[in-house]
Protein backbone atom coordinates (compact mmCIF):
# COMPACT_ATOMS: atom_id res chain seq x y z
CA MET A 1 -11.64 -20.40 7.75
CA ASN A 2 -15.06 -21.90 7.76
CA THR A 3 -16.50 -19.03 10.13
CA LEU A 4 -17.14 -15.54 9.40
CA PRO A 5 -13.68 -13.35 9.48
CA ARG A 6 -13.04 -10.90 12.58
CA LEU A 7 -11.50 -8.32 10.43
CA VAL A 8 -11.38 -7.49 6.42
CA ALA A 9 -8.35 -5.88 4.89
CA THR A 10 -8.41 -4.55 1.37
CA ASP A 11 -5.99 -3.17 -0.87
CA ILE A 12 -7.24 0.03 -2.55
CA ASP A 13 -5.80 0.59 -6.13
CA GLY A 14 -6.58 -2.33 -8.33
CA THR A 15 -8.72 -3.75 -5.59
CA LEU A 16 -11.36 -1.34 -4.39
CA VAL A 17 -11.71 1.10 -6.69
CA ARG A 18 -12.31 0.83 -10.31
CA GLY A 19 -10.04 1.83 -12.85
CA ASP A 20 -11.68 5.01 -13.03
CA ARG A 21 -10.74 5.62 -9.20
CA THR A 22 -14.08 5.17 -8.19
CA ILE A 23 -15.88 3.01 -6.03
CA SER A 24 -19.11 1.39 -6.57
CA PRO A 25 -22.48 1.78 -5.04
CA ARG A 26 -22.51 -1.80 -4.33
CA THR A 27 -18.96 -1.91 -2.71
CA ILE A 28 -19.67 1.04 -0.50
CA ALA A 29 -23.17 -0.68 0.61
CA THR A 30 -21.33 -3.86 1.31
CA LEU A 31 -18.60 -2.37 3.29
CA GLU A 32 -21.33 -0.59 5.19
CA ARG A 33 -23.24 -4.22 5.69
CA VAL A 34 -19.97 -5.68 6.66
CA THR A 35 -19.22 -2.86 9.27
CA GLY A 36 -22.56 -3.02 10.42
CA SER A 37 -22.46 -6.64 11.61
CA GLY A 38 -19.55 -5.89 13.89
CA VAL A 39 -16.76 -6.42 11.44
CA PRO A 40 -14.45 -4.08 11.04
CA VAL A 41 -12.99 -3.32 7.92
CA VAL A 42 -8.97 -1.97 7.31
CA LEU A 43 -7.65 -0.41 4.00
CA VAL A 44 -3.93 -1.60 3.47
CA THR A 45 -2.66 0.48 0.96
CA GLY A 46 0.72 1.97 -0.31
CA ARG A 47 -0.92 5.20 -0.87
CA PRO A 48 0.25 8.04 1.43
CA ILE A 49 -1.84 9.50 3.77
CA ARG A 50 -2.72 12.66 1.36
CA TRP A 51 -3.95 10.47 -1.35
CA LEU A 52 -6.97 8.93 1.19
CA ASN A 53 -9.33 11.43 0.91
CA GLN A 54 -10.15 10.22 -2.71
CA VAL A 55 -11.32 7.15 -1.23
CA TYR A 56 -12.42 8.69 2.10
CA GLU A 57 -14.67 11.22 -0.11
CA GLN A 58 -16.76 8.17 -1.53
CA LEU A 59 -17.19 5.97 1.45
CA SER A 60 -20.22 6.90 3.96
CA ALA A 61 -17.95 7.12 6.81
CA PRO A 62 -14.11 7.13 6.98
CA ILE A 63 -12.09 3.40 7.86
CA PRO A 64 -8.79 2.90 9.33
CA ALA A 65 -6.05 2.34 7.18
CA VAL A 66 -2.92 0.91 7.13
CA CYS A 67 -0.63 3.55 4.54
CA ALA A 68 2.71 3.37 2.84
CA ASN A 69 3.03 -0.23 2.51
CA GLY A 70 2.80 -0.57 6.11
CA ALA A 71 4.95 2.24 7.81
CA VAL A 72 1.77 4.01 8.78
CA ILE A 73 -1.23 3.19 10.64
CA TYR A 74 -3.69 5.95 10.30
CA ASP A 75 -6.93 7.15 12.29
CA PRO A 76 -9.15 8.76 10.12
CA ASP A 77 -11.50 10.09 13.04
CA THR A 78 -8.68 11.97 14.62
CA ASP A 79 -6.16 12.76 11.38
CA THR A 80 -3.75 11.22 13.47
CA PRO A 81 -1.13 8.12 12.52
CA VAL A 82 -1.23 6.01 15.92
CA HIS A 83 1.84 4.29 14.59
CA THR A 84 4.75 5.16 12.29
CA ALA A 85 8.03 3.07 11.40
CA PRO A 86 10.53 5.36 9.30
CA MET A 87 13.65 5.30 7.68
CA ALA A 88 16.44 7.31 9.20
CA PRO A 89 18.48 10.04 7.19
CA ASP A 90 21.75 7.60 7.54
CA VAL A 91 19.66 4.64 6.40
CA LEU A 92 18.42 6.39 3.44
CA SER A 93 21.59 7.80 2.59
CA ARG A 94 22.86 4.51 2.58
CA ILE A 95 20.01 3.26 0.46
CA ALA A 96 20.17 6.08 -2.22
CA GLU A 97 24.08 5.62 -2.48
CA LYS A 98 23.61 2.08 -3.64
CA LEU A 99 20.83 2.76 -5.84
CA ARG A 100 22.61 5.58 -7.59
CA ALA A 101 25.98 3.18 -7.70
CA GLU A 102 24.09 0.18 -9.21
CA ILE A 103 21.10 2.01 -11.30
CA PRO A 104 22.65 4.54 -13.53
CA GLY A 105 20.07 7.19 -14.15
CA VAL A 106 17.81 6.25 -11.66
CA VAL A 107 15.54 8.89 -9.93
CA LEU A 108 14.39 9.08 -6.23
CA ALA A 109 11.47 10.92 -4.17
CA VAL A 110 10.56 10.60 -0.63
CA GLU A 111 7.51 10.61 1.69
CA ILE A 112 8.05 12.53 4.34
CA GLU A 113 6.03 13.55 7.77
CA ASP A 114 3.96 10.61 8.04
CA SER A 115 3.52 10.41 4.05
CA ARG A 116 1.64 13.85 4.29
CA HIS A 117 4.43 15.56 2.03
CA MET A 118 6.73 14.25 -0.76
CA ARG A 119 10.28 15.67 -1.70
CA HIS A 120 11.34 14.56 -5.66
CA GLU A 121 14.23 14.79 -7.59
CA ALA A 122 13.79 17.15 -10.76
CA GLU A 123 13.53 14.65 -13.06
CA TRP A 124 10.46 13.04 -11.02
CA PRO A 125 7.29 12.81 -12.98
CA VAL A 126 4.85 14.34 -10.73
CA ARG A 127 1.40 13.00 -11.79
CA TYR A 128 -1.47 13.30 -9.39
CA ASP A 129 -0.25 16.10 -7.08
CA THR A 130 0.79 18.75 -9.45
CA GLY A 131 0.96 22.04 -7.73
CA MET A 132 0.19 21.26 -4.16
CA PRO A 133 2.20 22.88 -1.69
CA THR A 134 2.80 19.46 0.20
CA ILE A 135 4.94 18.24 -3.42
CA ARG A 136 8.20 19.92 -3.78
CA VAL A 137 11.43 19.15 -5.43
CA VAL A 138 14.68 19.06 -4.03
CA GLY A 139 17.42 21.62 -4.11
CA SER A 140 20.13 19.26 -4.17
CA PRO A 141 20.71 15.17 -4.06
CA GLU A 142 21.36 15.46 -0.63
CA GLU A 143 18.12 16.80 0.38
CA ILE A 144 16.08 13.44 -0.60
CA THR A 145 18.26 11.77 2.57
CA ALA A 146 17.68 14.90 4.80
CA ALA A 147 14.78 13.68 6.89
CA PRO A 148 13.42 10.53 8.18
CA ALA A 149 10.89 9.17 5.59
CA VAL A 150 8.03 6.30 5.51
CA LYS A 151 9.04 5.38 2.11
CA MET A 152 11.79 6.07 -0.69
CA LEU A 153 10.43 5.80 -4.60
CA ALA A 154 12.67 5.02 -7.21
CA ARG A 155 12.19 5.19 -10.84
CA SER A 156 14.10 4.15 -13.93
CA GLY A 157 13.15 4.82 -17.19
CA SER A 158 11.05 2.60 -18.99
CA ARG A 159 12.40 -0.71 -17.56
CA ASP A 160 10.04 -3.37 -16.61
CA ALA A 161 8.52 -3.32 -13.60
CA ASP A 162 9.00 -7.02 -12.08
CA GLU A 163 13.00 -6.94 -13.19
CA PHE A 164 13.45 -3.31 -11.79
CA ALA A 165 12.16 -4.49 -8.38
CA ALA A 166 14.13 -7.32 -8.74
CA LEU A 167 17.22 -5.22 -9.48
CA VAL A 168 16.06 -2.80 -6.57
CA ASN A 169 15.91 -5.78 -3.95
CA GLY A 170 19.22 -7.07 -5.07
CA ALA A 171 21.02 -4.01 -4.53
CA LEU A 172 19.38 -3.39 -0.99
CA ARG A 173 18.91 -6.83 0.44
CA GLY A 174 19.62 -6.43 4.13
CA LEU A 175 19.27 -2.66 3.95
CA ALA A 176 15.68 -2.32 2.99
CA GLU A 177 12.44 -3.73 1.94
CA ALA A 178 11.65 -3.34 -1.86
CA THR A 179 8.10 -3.80 -3.35
CA HIS A 180 6.12 -2.53 -6.23
CA SER A 181 2.37 -1.95 -7.16
CA SER A 182 2.23 -0.57 -10.68
CA TYR A 183 3.37 -2.10 -14.25
CA SER A 184 5.60 1.08 -14.48
CA GLY A 185 9.16 1.30 -13.50
CA LEU A 186 8.41 1.96 -10.20
CA VAL A 187 9.65 0.54 -6.82
CA GLU A 188 8.49 1.45 -3.40
CA ILE A 189 11.19 1.20 -0.48
CA SER A 190 10.45 0.56 2.93
CA ALA A 191 12.44 0.11 6.45
CA VAL A 192 13.62 -3.57 7.14
CA GLY A 193 10.85 -5.66 8.17
CA VAL A 194 7.83 -3.16 7.24
CA THR A 195 5.57 -4.64 5.03
CA LYS A 196 1.67 -4.52 4.73
CA ALA A 197 1.44 -7.82 6.37
CA ALA A 198 3.74 -5.93 9.54
CA GLY A 199 1.06 -3.10 9.32
CA LEU A 200 -1.61 -5.22 9.12
CA GLU A 201 -0.39 -7.38 11.98
CA TRP A 202 0.30 -4.34 14.38
CA PHE A 203 -3.16 -3.13 13.70
CA CYS A 204 -4.86 -6.77 14.10
CA ARG A 205 -2.84 -6.70 17.81
CA GLN A 206 -4.33 -3.67 18.89
CA HIS A 207 -7.90 -5.41 18.39
CA GLY A 208 -7.34 -8.83 19.68
CA VAL A 209 -7.50 -10.31 15.84
CA VAL A 210 -5.18 -13.01 14.92
CA ALA A 211 -3.85 -13.83 11.21
CA ALA A 212 -6.23 -17.00 11.03
CA ASP A 213 -9.34 -14.85 11.32
CA VAL A 214 -8.53 -12.20 8.75
CA LEU A 215 -9.93 -12.03 5.30
CA ALA A 216 -7.77 -9.89 2.71
CA PHE A 217 -7.97 -8.91 -0.84
CA GLY A 218 -5.16 -7.77 -2.92
CA ASP A 219 -3.90 -7.55 -6.41
CA MET A 220 -0.04 -6.89 -6.86
CA PRO A 221 3.13 -8.05 -5.40
CA ASN A 222 3.08 -5.23 -2.70
CA ASP A 223 -0.11 -7.16 -1.17
CA LEU A 224 2.05 -10.34 -1.02
CA PRO A 225 3.34 -10.17 2.38
CA MET A 226 -0.14 -9.50 3.47
CA LEU A 227 -2.02 -12.31 1.51
CA THR A 228 0.95 -15.01 2.87
CA TRP A 229 -0.32 -14.03 6.29
CA ALA A 230 -3.66 -13.52 6.26
CA GLY A 231 -5.90 -16.52 7.09
CA ARG A 232 -8.10 -16.34 3.81
CA PRO A 233 -6.33 -14.40 1.16
CA VAL A 234 -8.08 -13.72 -1.97
CA ALA A 235 -6.96 -12.34 -5.38
CA MET A 236 -8.54 -10.28 -7.79
CA ALA A 237 -9.18 -11.43 -11.09
CA ASN A 238 -7.03 -8.89 -12.32
CA ALA A 239 -4.07 -9.53 -10.19
CA HIS A 240 -0.19 -9.77 -11.18
CA PRO A 241 0.75 -13.61 -11.68
CA ALA A 242 2.58 -13.90 -8.40
CA VAL A 243 -0.74 -12.89 -6.29
CA LEU A 244 -3.02 -15.29 -8.43
CA GLU A 245 -0.37 -18.11 -7.57
CA ILE A 246 -0.42 -17.75 -3.59
CA ALA A 247 -4.01 -16.58 -2.88
CA ALA A 248 -6.64 -19.51 -1.71
CA ASP A 249 -9.18 -18.11 -3.45
CA THR A 250 -10.17 -15.03 -6.39
CA THR A 251 -12.72 -13.11 -6.82
CA LEU A 252 -14.37 -10.68 -9.79
CA SER A 253 -11.82 -7.82 -11.17
CA ASN A 254 -12.03 -4.89 -9.35
CA ASP A 255 -14.15 -3.37 -12.18
CA GLU A 256 -16.79 -6.13 -12.01
CA ASP A 257 -17.16 -5.18 -7.79
CA GLY A 258 -14.68 -8.14 -7.04
CA VAL A 259 -14.68 -6.98 -3.03
CA ALA A 260 -18.37 -6.62 -2.89
CA ALA A 261 -19.27 -10.10 -4.73
CA TYR A 262 -16.69 -11.83 -2.40
CA LEU A 263 -18.01 -10.33 0.76
CA GLU A 264 -21.55 -10.97 0.19
CA LYS A 265 -21.15 -14.16 -0.74
CA VAL A 266 -19.04 -14.98 2.58
CA PHE A 267 -21.64 -12.75 4.93
CA GLY A 268 -24.53 -14.11 2.99
CA PHE A 269 -26.09 -10.57 1.95
């Protein structure tokens, strides 16, 4: 990509936001200049819709988002999911059955209603949504799989994140996509073919943008499909080794405004 990108895609956590969950004034100003130049910016995240306000409240204007690792395309101007790719209850049931059989002690949760609501088993640690009415413990294991879900989440004690993800992938091969975006034993499960790349590609098709014209930033394994697909994949300095290995370029860490620094260089700001 020797010319300016036609679209900029960026992950949120570990990429756009700093360790304290804030977006720096420099980054906010740079994103404004990029969009002001006519190049759209899209958030591509594992986050559910209900966690996007933490970002939008810091920006001068909300920008579109590919949420739930590609399962939900969200228009913040109308507060509407314009495209979703949920897993049906029968698929969720097969996933849960396999995980419970092959990983004793696994704890499950699901993102439902386009990721506006979450249902979780009693052992699930609720860390950021404590007391929210959209988050509820299920009354029985079967309730986890009772409604379509855009994402299933699996935890298993203190297992190494990469090892646990590999274990889940092995159990679910051909049945679902499994990835992770944290260094704890948490795996995120989506429908077959649903990844950040698939969600971003769907968004780009609606806007006449091809992969070669996309500049993308990421830091964790759930970003790998997007970074492999994009014409210019950029890893954060703080990125997971697997991301650093495949990226065409690197930038500073998220705490050093790496996204802003790279965009300033590309656009000549």
